């Protein structure tokens, strides 16, 4: 069925103010701006602001469900919970674990990619660990952190097929550059994170094809005036996009602002790094192999180390806009088109344009999602 959405303010690449119409044919946007709705089922959203569906490319779990459950039912539940928050596409993200467990997780993701979910669109897997640094492991268990075995990596990729979208590598590890080159040859994005890399080691990784830095400033060597390290390399290389966890806990607003000044609007990607506790009460939870303690919405290991977040992606956009003083439309791009570009999906998702998937969200006056469409299907409607 053809649909027409009429909104009062539509955030397209051109941002149409006032009343405008989005024409949808099946799962695809047909036209933006047309007023002729003859033959279309009209959805009147003129009370709301229309934005592209949000894209969370780095999320572990939410509302009691976790990628590491290795269960398609958990991925389905994550999909529904994320859709309710305005997220229309996501990467199910792993943590460091025994090899056989990562394989089991990848099987569940492969199974979900072969069936229709009833909420947010699953784009594939983001493998964060085990090829990381023990010095900056964060909430990853030391006993399962691995040296880079190219044959093992190939086995994992061949087993998962096209399910793997991104893999985290610490550039200072032996075989890192060879691993990056292999992954790039398979059209898999390489993120650099949980790393003690120097400036030179980070630049070598970028030269080899790594194009994303995992939650910049967190889980890595800090910026130093004599050895800029991974942070300095990321901030000064415009080939590279950087993930930010803008929950006002992982990063101060001033750092969020500085990062935008260095990278520009196009190279910042907002992520949640959300874990199973997202949307739930304070208490004790699990993140992979580790116990996590959540107090006042902040998730930590017993030793106080931050362990993911309970952040909503829509709140990350608000925080970037309100606290880092970034215009809303620029902050919005950091959670829509920028992550889509980072993982090579910009031809399908990330903006409201003709030819792209009809992933559309309506926000109320409090910037809360009240209507969510994924691929032309209404999955959330709180407007009635």
Foldseek 3Di string as FASTA:
>chain_A
DKAKEWEQWEQFVVTDHGIKIFIDDFFFTAATRDPDQPPHHYDYHHQWYKWFQFEAAAAAAAQQAGLLVLALVSVLVRQLVLQQFRHQEYAHEAAQDALVSVLSSLVSLLVPQVDDRQGHHYPAHAYEDLQADPVLRFPHDPVRRDADDPVSVVVSCVSNPNRAQEYEHAQVGPCRLVNLLVCVVSLHAYEYFLYAFWLVSLVSSVVSPHAEYEAPPHNYDPQDPVTRGNNNNQLQDQSHAYEHQLPCPSDPLQVLLVSCVSHPLQRYAYHQLAGHCQPHDFAWDDRHPAIWGADPQFIHGPVRGGRTGNDRRLVSLVSNCPRNVDPSSSSLLNRFQNVCVSRVNNQATRRSDGNHGPWMFTAHPVRGTQWTDHSNRTSGHNPD
